[in-house]
Amino acid sequence: MKKLSRISALALALALASPLVAAWLPLGGTGLFAQLAPDYRAAWFASFRQLSITLAATLAFASAITIGLGYLSIYSRAGARRSPASWRPSNRCRPS
């Protein structure tokens, strides 16, 4: 049996993602959406589509930065050898 926390996390993720999924489905004339004015419904769907595109782009950008920094800090020999002490400016960089 799955842990209750895992089940509740999946339910919460589903509840948070459902408006974004619903914005891309052709549900305009059924159920709850049929009660909305057509112009308002179109604007509502458009805003959620824009939000889902923005969230996907943000996720892709954050993933690229994470992978890039992980590569530089762990797999790159020059980045792995640098210690925090070597990040300090040297005496040559001080203004006179």
C-alpha atoms as a PDB file:
ATOM      1  CA  MET A   1       0.000   0.000   0.000  1.00  0.00           C
ATOM      2  CA  LYS A   2       1.280   3.436  -0.867  1.00  0.00           C
ATOM      3  CA  LYS A   3       2.022   5.942   1.835  1.00  0.00           C
ATOM      4  CA  LEU A   4      -0.724   8.428   2.526  1.00  0.00           C
ATOM      5  CA  SER A   5       1.656  11.344   1.943  1.00  0.00           C
ATOM      6  CA  ARG A   6       2.480  10.086  -1.556  1.00  0.00           C
ATOM      7  CA  ILE A   7      -1.198   9.703  -2.408  1.00  0.00           C
ATOM      8  CA  SER A   8      -2.014  13.176  -1.070  1.00  0.00           C
ATOM      9  CA  ALA A   9       0.925  14.668  -2.995  1.00  0.00           C
ATOM     10  CA  LEU A  10      -0.369  13.130  -6.217  1.00  0.00           C
ATOM     11  CA  ALA A  11      -3.889  14.423  -5.496  1.00  0.00           C
ATOM     12  CA  LEU A  12      -2.532  17.921  -4.815  1.00  0.00           C
ATOM     13  CA  ALA A  13      -0.466  17.892  -8.018  1.00  0.00           C
ATOM     14  CA  LEU A  14      -3.527  16.786  -9.977  1.00  0.00           C
ATOM     15  CA  ALA A  15      -5.653  19.537  -8.419  1.00  0.00           C
ATOM     16  CA  LEU A  16      -3.026  22.176  -9.242  1.00  0.00           C
ATOM     17  CA  ALA A  17      -2.473  20.971 -12.808  1.00  0.00           C
ATOM     18  CA  SER A  18      -6.125  20.440 -13.737  1.00  0.00           C
ATOM     19  CA  PRO A  19      -6.873  24.085 -14.720  1.00  0.00           C
ATOM     20  CA  LEU A  20      -3.848  24.085 -17.007  1.00  0.00           C
ATOM     21  CA  VAL A  21      -4.924  20.827 -18.635  1.00  0.00           C
ATOM     22  CA  ALA A  22      -8.538  21.980 -18.893  1.00  0.00           C
ATOM     23  CA  ALA A  23      -7.446  25.121 -20.746  1.00  0.00           C
ATOM     24  CA  TRP A  24      -6.112  22.992 -23.607  1.00  0.00           C
ATOM     25  CA  LEU A  25      -9.088  20.633 -23.830  1.00  0.00           C
ATOM     26  CA  PRO A  26     -12.055  21.522 -26.052  1.00  0.00           C
ATOM     27  CA  LEU A  27     -14.589  21.673 -23.193  1.00  0.00           C
ATOM     28  CA  GLY A  28     -16.099  25.026 -24.117  1.00  0.00           C
ATOM     29  CA  GLY A  29     -19.762  24.015 -24.334  1.00  0.00           C
ATOM     30  CA  THR A  30     -20.111  21.449 -21.556  1.00  0.00           C
ATOM     31  CA  GLY A  31     -20.633  21.431 -17.816  1.00  0.00           C
ATOM     32  CA  LEU A  32     -19.475  24.321 -15.708  1.00  0.00           C
ATOM     33  CA  PHE A  33     -17.923  26.135 -18.662  1.00  0.00           C
ATOM     34  CA  ALA A  34     -21.260  26.400 -20.463  1.00  0.00           C
ATOM     35  CA  GLN A  35     -22.528  28.782 -17.775  1.00  0.00           C
ATOM     36  CA  LEU A  36     -19.813  31.337 -18.491  1.00  0.00           C
ATOM     37  CA  ALA A  37     -20.239  34.113 -21.029  1.00  0.00           C
ATOM     38  CA  PRO A  38     -18.509  33.203 -24.319  1.00  0.00           C
ATOM     39  CA  ASP A  39     -16.117  36.166 -24.257  1.00  0.00           C
ATOM     40  CA  TYR A  40     -15.201  35.580 -20.627  1.00  0.00           C
ATOM     41  CA  ARG A  41     -14.728  31.848 -21.254  1.00  0.00           C
ATOM     42  CA  ALA A  42     -12.437  32.528 -24.232  1.00  0.00           C
ATOM     43  CA  ALA A  43     -10.347  34.989 -22.210  1.00  0.00           C
ATOM     44  CA  TRP A  44     -10.175  32.557 -19.293  1.00  0.00           C
ATOM     45  CA  PHE A  45      -8.967  29.708 -21.498  1.00  0.00           C
ATOM     46  CA  ALA A  46      -6.458  31.981 -23.241  1.00  0.00           C
ATOM     47  CA  SER A  47      -4.983  33.135 -19.936  1.00  0.00           C
ATOM     48  CA  PHE A  48      -4.523  29.569 -18.722  1.00  0.00           C
ATOM     49  CA  ARG A  49      -2.919  28.607 -22.047  1.00  0.00           C
ATOM     50  CA  GLN A  50      -0.458  31.468 -21.652  1.00  0.00           C
ATOM     51  CA  LEU A  51       0.204  30.409 -18.071  1.00  0.00           C
ATOM     52  CA  SER A  52       0.900  26.818 -19.091  1.00  0.00           C
ATOM     53  CA  ILE A  53       3.313  27.962 -21.812  1.00  0.00           C
ATOM     54  CA  THR A  54       5.082  30.245 -19.330  1.00  0.00           C
ATOM     55  CA  LEU A  55       5.369  27.465 -16.750  1.00  0.00           C
ATOM     56  CA  ALA A  56       6.743  25.017 -19.331  1.00  0.00           C
ATOM     57  CA  ALA A  57       9.313  27.559 -20.530  1.00  0.00           C
ATOM     58  CA  THR A  58      10.324  28.320 -16.946  1.00  0.00           C
ATOM     59  CA  LEU A  59      10.736  24.624 -16.205  1.00  0.00           C
ATOM     60  CA  ALA A  60      12.872  24.116 -19.327  1.00  0.00           C
ATOM     61  CA  PHE A  61      15.051  27.142 -18.523  1.00  0.00           C
ATOM     62  CA  ALA A  62      15.544  26.118 -14.880  1.00  0.00           C
ATOM     63  CA  SER A  63      16.394  22.567 -15.958  1.00  0.00           C
ATOM     64  CA  ALA A  64      18.973  23.833 -18.448  1.00  0.00           C
ATOM     65  CA  ILE A  65      20.609  26.047 -15.823  1.00  0.00           C
ATOM     66  CA  THR A  66      20.637  23.211 -13.281  1.00  0.00           C
ATOM     67  CA  ILE A  67      22.186  20.749 -15.729  1.00  0.00           C
ATOM     68  CA  GLY A  68      24.728  23.311 -16.905  1.00  0.00           C
ATOM     69  CA  LEU A  69      25.819  24.290 -13.412  1.00  0.00           C
ATOM     70  CA  GLY A  70      25.902  20.654 -12.349  1.00  0.00           C
ATOM     71  CA  TYR A  71      28.176  19.847 -15.253  1.00  0.00           C
ATOM     72  CA  LEU A  72      30.480  22.766 -14.512  1.00  0.00           C
ATOM     73  CA  SER A  73      30.684  22.107 -10.788  1.00  0.00           C
ATOM     74  CA  ILE A  74      31.057  18.325 -10.804  1.00  0.00           C
ATOM     75  CA  TYR A  75      32.222  17.026 -14.167  1.00  0.00           C
ATOM     76  CA  SER A  76      34.455  19.853 -15.261  1.00  0.00           C
ATOM     77  CA  ARG A  77      37.958  19.416 -13.858  1.00  0.00           C
ATOM     78  CA  ALA A  78      38.635  23.139 -13.639  1.00  0.00           C
ATOM     79  CA  GLY A  79      35.380  23.797 -11.804  1.00  0.00           C
ATOM     80  CA  ALA A  80      35.793  20.849  -9.470  1.00  0.00           C
ATOM     81  CA  ARG A  81      39.296  21.898  -8.370  1.00  0.00           C
ATOM     82  CA  ARG A  82      38.308  25.424  -7.453  1.00  0.00           C
ATOM     83  CA  SER A  83      37.741  25.884  -3.781  1.00  0.00           C
ATOM     84  CA  PRO A  84      35.768  28.730  -2.208  1.00  0.00           C
ATOM     85  CA  ALA A  85      39.080  30.244  -1.065  1.00  0.00           C
ATOM     86  CA  SER A  86      40.181  30.637  -4.694  1.00  0.00           C
ATOM     87  CA  TRP A  87      37.067  32.658  -5.487  1.00  0.00           C
ATOM     88  CA  ARG A  88      38.305  35.606  -3.459  1.00  0.00           C
ATOM     89  CA  PRO A  89      39.870  38.427  -5.455  1.00  0.00           C
ATOM     90  CA  SER A  90      43.638  38.423  -5.432  1.00  0.00           C
ATOM     91  CA  ASN A  91      45.802  41.255  -4.166  1.00  0.00           C
ATOM     92  CA  ARG A  92      46.396  42.336  -7.755  1.00  0.00           C
ATOM     93  CA  CYS A  93      42.725  43.226  -8.155  1.00  0.00           C
ATOM     94  CA  ARG A  94      42.592  45.673  -5.275  1.00  0.00           C
ATOM     95  CA  PRO A  95      42.439  49.346  -6.219  1.00  0.00           C
ATOM     96  CA  SER A  96      45.436  51.357  -5.141  1.00  0.00           C
END
